[in-house]
Protein backbone atom coordinates (compact mmCIF):
# COMPACT_ATOMS: atom_id res chain seq x y z
CA UNK A 1 55.29 43.93 33.39
CA UNK A 2 53.27 45.28 36.31
CA UNK A 3 55.56 48.27 36.82
CA UNK A 4 56.13 49.23 33.20
CA UNK A 5 52.50 48.81 32.17
CA UNK A 6 51.55 50.96 35.20
CA UNK A 7 54.16 53.54 34.12
CA UNK A 8 52.74 53.69 30.59
CA UNK A 9 55.82 52.26 28.86
CA UNK A 10 53.58 49.71 27.16
CA UNK A 11 50.07 48.33 27.45
CA UNK A 12 49.57 45.15 29.46
CA UNK A 13 49.05 42.23 27.06
CA UNK A 14 45.92 40.12 26.82
CA UNK A 15 48.02 37.05 27.63
CA UNK A 16 51.54 36.34 28.87
CA UNK A 17 52.88 32.80 28.59
CA UNK A 18 56.10 31.71 30.23
CA UNK A 19 58.23 29.35 28.17
CA UNK A 20 61.37 27.55 29.40
CA UNK A 21 63.41 24.71 27.88
CA UNK A 22 62.40 22.30 30.67
CA UNK A 23 59.03 23.86 31.39
CA UNK A 24 57.82 25.66 34.51
CA UNK A 25 58.53 24.15 37.90
CA UNK A 26 55.71 22.44 39.76
CA UNK A 27 55.35 25.27 42.29
CA UNK A 28 55.24 27.93 39.56
CA UNK A 29 52.79 25.91 37.49
CA UNK A 30 50.45 25.62 40.49
CA UNK A 31 50.64 29.36 41.09
CA UNK A 32 49.95 30.14 37.46
CA UNK A 33 46.77 28.07 37.54
CA UNK A 34 45.40 30.10 40.46
CA UNK A 35 45.37 33.85 39.78
CA UNK A 36 44.41 34.78 43.36
CA UNK A 37 47.28 32.79 44.88
CA UNK A 38 49.69 34.20 42.30
CA UNK A 39 48.66 37.76 43.17
CA UNK A 40 48.98 37.04 46.89
CA UNK A 41 52.47 35.59 46.33
CA UNK A 42 53.57 38.66 44.37
CA UNK A 43 52.25 41.02 47.04
CA UNK A 44 53.83 39.01 49.86
CA UNK A 45 57.26 38.65 48.21
CA UNK A 46 57.49 42.05 46.53
CA UNK A 47 59.89 43.75 48.90
CA UNK A 48 62.12 40.70 49.40
CA UNK A 49 62.28 39.23 45.89
CA UNK A 50 60.92 41.66 43.31
CA UNK A 51 61.36 45.35 44.18
CA UNK A 52 65.12 45.49 43.56
CA UNK A 53 65.05 43.54 40.25
CA UNK A 54 62.97 45.89 38.09
CA UNK A 55 65.12 48.98 37.47
CA UNK A 56 68.80 49.85 37.80
CA UNK A 57 68.00 53.05 39.71
CA UNK A 58 66.78 51.44 42.90
CA UNK A 59 63.94 49.35 44.29
CA UNK A 60 60.37 49.95 43.15
CA UNK A 61 58.09 50.49 46.13
CA UNK A 62 54.74 48.77 46.13
CA UNK A 63 52.63 51.62 47.43
CA UNK A 64 50.04 54.21 46.52
CA UNK A 65 48.48 54.11 43.07
CA UNK A 66 50.90 51.41 41.98
CA UNK A 67 49.72 49.14 44.80
CA UNK A 68 46.12 49.79 43.77
CA UNK A 69 47.07 48.93 40.15
CA UNK A 70 48.66 45.63 41.17
CA UNK A 71 45.70 44.68 43.36
CA UNK A 72 43.28 45.32 40.48
CA UNK A 73 45.48 43.69 37.81
CA UNK A 74 44.05 40.60 36.11
CA UNK A 75 46.57 37.89 36.98
CA UNK A 76 44.65 35.40 34.85
CA UNK A 77 46.66 36.57 31.84
CA UNK A 78 49.71 34.66 33.13
CA UNK A 79 50.26 31.01 32.23
CA UNK A 80 53.04 28.58 31.34
CA UNK A 81 53.43 26.45 28.24
CA UNK A 82 55.07 23.04 28.39
CA UNK A 83 57.85 22.32 25.84
CA UNK A 84 55.83 19.45 24.35
CA UNK A 85 52.95 21.83 23.62
CA UNK A 86 55.31 24.30 21.96
CA UNK A 87 56.91 21.59 19.82
CA UNK A 88 53.54 20.16 18.81
CA UNK A 89 52.45 23.62 17.68
CA UNK A 90 55.76 24.03 15.86
CA UNK A 91 55.18 20.82 13.90
CA UNK A 92 52.30 22.58 12.13
CA UNK A 93 54.60 25.27 10.73
CA UNK A 94 56.80 25.06 7.59
CA UNK A 95 59.93 25.52 9.74
CA UNK A 96 59.71 22.39 11.91
CA UNK A 97 61.39 19.79 9.69
CA UNK A 98 64.31 22.01 8.80
CA UNK A 99 65.03 22.59 12.50
CA UNK A 100 64.09 19.30 14.14
CA UNK A 101 64.22 16.83 11.25
CA UNK A 102 61.68 14.09 10.70
CA UNK A 103 59.83 13.08 7.58
CA UNK A 104 56.81 14.55 5.91
CA UNK A 105 53.35 13.05 6.44
CA UNK A 106 52.06 10.46 4.00
CA UNK A 107 51.80 11.87 0.52
CA UNK A 108 48.55 11.45 -1.41
CA UNK A 109 48.53 9.94 -4.88
CA UNK A 110 48.93 12.56 -7.63
CA UNK A 111 45.97 13.34 -9.82
CA UNK A 112 45.73 11.54 -13.15
CA UNK A 113 47.69 13.08 -16.03
CA UNK A 114 45.38 15.12 -18.28
CA UNK A 115 44.61 13.43 -21.57
CA UNK A 116 45.33 16.59 -23.53
CA UNK A 117 48.57 18.55 -23.13
CA UNK A 118 47.97 21.57 -20.89
CA UNK A 119 49.24 25.05 -21.65
CA UNK A 120 51.39 24.95 -18.48
CA UNK A 121 53.45 22.04 -19.88
CA UNK A 122 53.77 23.21 -23.47
CA UNK A 123 57.40 24.33 -23.16
CA UNK A 124 58.93 21.04 -22.01
CA UNK A 125 56.63 19.10 -24.36
CA UNK A 126 57.90 21.15 -27.30
CA UNK A 127 61.49 20.39 -26.29
CA UNK A 128 60.75 16.68 -26.00
CA UNK A 129 59.16 16.56 -29.45
CA UNK A 130 62.16 18.44 -30.85
CA UNK A 131 64.48 15.85 -29.30
CA UNK A 132 62.39 13.03 -30.79
CA UNK A 133 62.54 14.72 -34.21
CA UNK A 134 66.32 14.87 -34.06
CA UNK A 135 66.49 11.24 -32.91
CA UNK A 136 64.28 9.96 -35.74
CA UNK A 137 65.49 12.36 -38.40
CA UNK A 138 61.98 13.49 -39.23
CA UNK A 139 59.52 16.03 -37.89
CA UNK A 140 57.53 14.96 -34.82
CA UNK A 141 55.36 18.04 -34.49
CA UNK A 142 52.73 16.78 -32.05
CA UNK A 143 52.14 13.91 -29.66
CA UNK A 144 49.78 12.34 -32.22
CA UNK A 145 52.77 11.74 -34.49
CA UNK A 146 54.30 9.35 -31.94
CA UNK A 147 51.94 6.52 -32.83
CA UNK A 148 54.45 4.82 -35.13
CA UNK A 149 57.31 5.06 -32.60
CA UNK A 150 56.35 2.75 -29.72
CA UNK A 151 59.42 3.51 -27.57
CA UNK A 152 59.01 7.27 -27.97
CA UNK A 153 55.30 7.11 -27.24
CA UNK A 154 55.88 5.32 -23.94
CA UNK A 155 58.77 7.64 -23.07
CA UNK A 156 56.52 10.63 -23.75
CA UNK A 157 53.81 9.25 -21.46
CA UNK A 158 56.35 8.47 -18.70
CA UNK A 159 57.75 11.98 -19.03
CA UNK A 160 54.34 13.59 -18.58
CA UNK A 161 53.62 11.34 -15.59
CA UNK A 162 56.97 12.34 -14.07
CA UNK A 163 56.30 16.04 -14.67
CA UNK A 164 52.92 15.89 -12.93
CA UNK A 165 54.40 13.75 -10.14
CA UNK A 166 56.97 16.48 -9.48
CA UNK A 167 54.25 19.12 -9.66
CA UNK A 168 52.28 17.21 -7.03
CA UNK A 169 55.38 17.17 -4.79
CA UNK A 170 55.75 20.92 -5.25
CA UNK A 171 52.15 21.47 -4.11
CA UNK A 172 52.34 18.87 -1.32
CA UNK A 173 55.33 20.47 0.43
CA UNK A 174 54.33 24.09 -0.17
CA UNK A 175 52.98 24.67 3.35
CA UNK A 176 54.97 21.94 5.10
CA UNK A 177 58.52 23.21 4.63
CA UNK A 178 60.17 26.60 4.54
CA UNK A 179 59.60 28.74 1.48
CA UNK A 180 62.12 27.99 -1.28
CA UNK A 181 62.79 24.39 -0.16
CA UNK A 182 61.38 22.81 -3.33
CA UNK A 183 63.15 25.39 -5.49
CA UNK A 184 66.34 24.45 -3.61
CA UNK A 185 65.78 20.83 -4.60
CA UNK A 186 65.39 21.87 -8.23
CA UNK A 187 68.62 23.88 -8.01
CA UNK A 188 70.52 20.92 -6.51
CA UNK A 189 69.31 18.59 -9.24
CA UNK A 190 70.21 21.14 -11.90
CA UNK A 191 73.72 21.50 -10.46
CA UNK A 192 74.07 17.73 -10.31
CA UNK A 193 73.07 17.05 -13.92
CA UNK A 194 74.88 19.91 -15.70
CA UNK A 195 78.06 17.95 -16.46
CA UNK A 196 75.97 15.18 -18.01
CA UNK A 197 73.81 17.73 -19.79
CA UNK A 198 76.86 19.45 -21.31
CA UNK A 199 78.46 16.16 -22.40
CA UNK A 200 78.54 14.76 -25.91
CA UNK A 201 75.35 12.92 -26.90
CA UNK A 202 74.18 11.41 -30.16
CA UNK A 203 71.06 13.57 -30.17
CA UNK A 204 68.57 15.35 -27.94
CA UNK A 205 66.76 12.16 -26.99
CA UNK A 206 70.01 10.62 -25.77
CA UNK A 207 70.61 13.79 -23.72
CA UNK A 208 67.16 13.48 -22.08
CA UNK A 209 67.81 9.87 -21.12
CA UNK A 210 71.29 10.61 -19.74
CA UNK A 211 70.20 13.63 -17.73
CA UNK A 212 67.12 12.01 -16.19
CA UNK A 213 69.13 8.89 -15.33
CA UNK A 214 71.73 11.09 -13.62
CA UNK A 215 69.01 12.91 -11.66
CA UNK A 216 67.67 9.59 -10.38
CA UNK A 217 71.05 8.44 -9.10
CA UNK A 218 72.09 11.67 -7.37
CA UNK A 219 72.80 11.69 -3.61
CA UNK A 220 70.65 14.36 -1.96
CA UNK A 221 71.24 13.32 1.65
CA UNK A 222 71.62 16.88 2.94
CA UNK A 223 68.36 18.13 1.43
CA UNK A 224 65.21 18.05 3.60
CA UNK A 225 63.17 16.61 0.71
CA UNK A 226 65.63 13.80 0.02
CA UNK A 227 63.32 11.03 1.24
CA UNK A 228 60.29 12.56 -0.43
CA UNK A 229 61.81 12.98 -3.90
CA UNK A 230 61.11 9.63 -5.57
CA UNK A 231 62.81 8.64 -8.85
CA UNK A 232 59.73 9.78 -10.77
CA UNK A 233 59.89 13.17 -9.01
CA UNK A 234 63.54 13.57 -9.95
CA UNK A 235 62.83 12.81 -13.60
CA UNK A 236 59.88 15.17 -13.45
CA UNK A 237 62.04 17.94 -12.00
CA UNK A 238 64.26 17.68 -15.10
CA UNK A 239 61.17 18.36 -17.20
CA UNK A 240 60.18 21.20 -14.87
CA UNK A 241 63.63 22.70 -15.45
CA UNK A 242 63.14 22.31 -19.20
CA UNK A 243 59.72 23.91 -18.86
CA UNK A 244 61.32 26.85 -17.03
CA UNK A 245 63.89 27.32 -19.80
CA UNK A 246 66.88 25.98 -17.85
CA UNK A 247 67.40 22.83 -19.93
CA UNK A 248 67.03 22.30 -23.69
CA UNK A 249 67.60 18.82 -25.10
CA UNK A 250 68.39 19.51 -28.73
CA UNK A 251 71.51 21.55 -29.42
């Protein structure tokens, strides 16, 4: 760095940190905490240990303007990082759990489900109501029409809770895992339920029940969100997939 920054190949950095799998040795660490001693060591050992290791065309002499450059160089830019410090910093990135494993931090409780159906959930809600209509043999146009069907009303409420639970998982992991991890979970669940989805069912409501039950029982051991995806999240992901146009209950 001294030679090539002096030669104009690149500008000397503001900081240079040495990183090694087992950390810096004790002697190097002590030198790196004392810029004056580090400079004195470099000057003293240049000819014996450094000069012949810089270029392939011969040793670099420490003399003239280059010597003046080294003497005036700010050796405080050099330091060493311990592996533990590097790993602790890495834990704050979305890439840590995919590389080192380990679970996610505690997950907060999802917000309460909105009383009124939101625009963002209208697609899967429409498909649910269509499935209920087929099941009952009469039009169930809105959620208000579910009052006389106790089992469908509770299923509808559970479905909305599951959808928002899965949405909360999507938001929770967004900055804690690599981009696309949650979408990968959705894709795995979709792949796992397709045979059930394509099977013969009495009606759309029966298809919903079969598919969500299959999603809950799937083995997702290889996926980094396996331990975070609770049964409610898995059911909710089915409704997310319906909302995204990838599943339709009534044929």
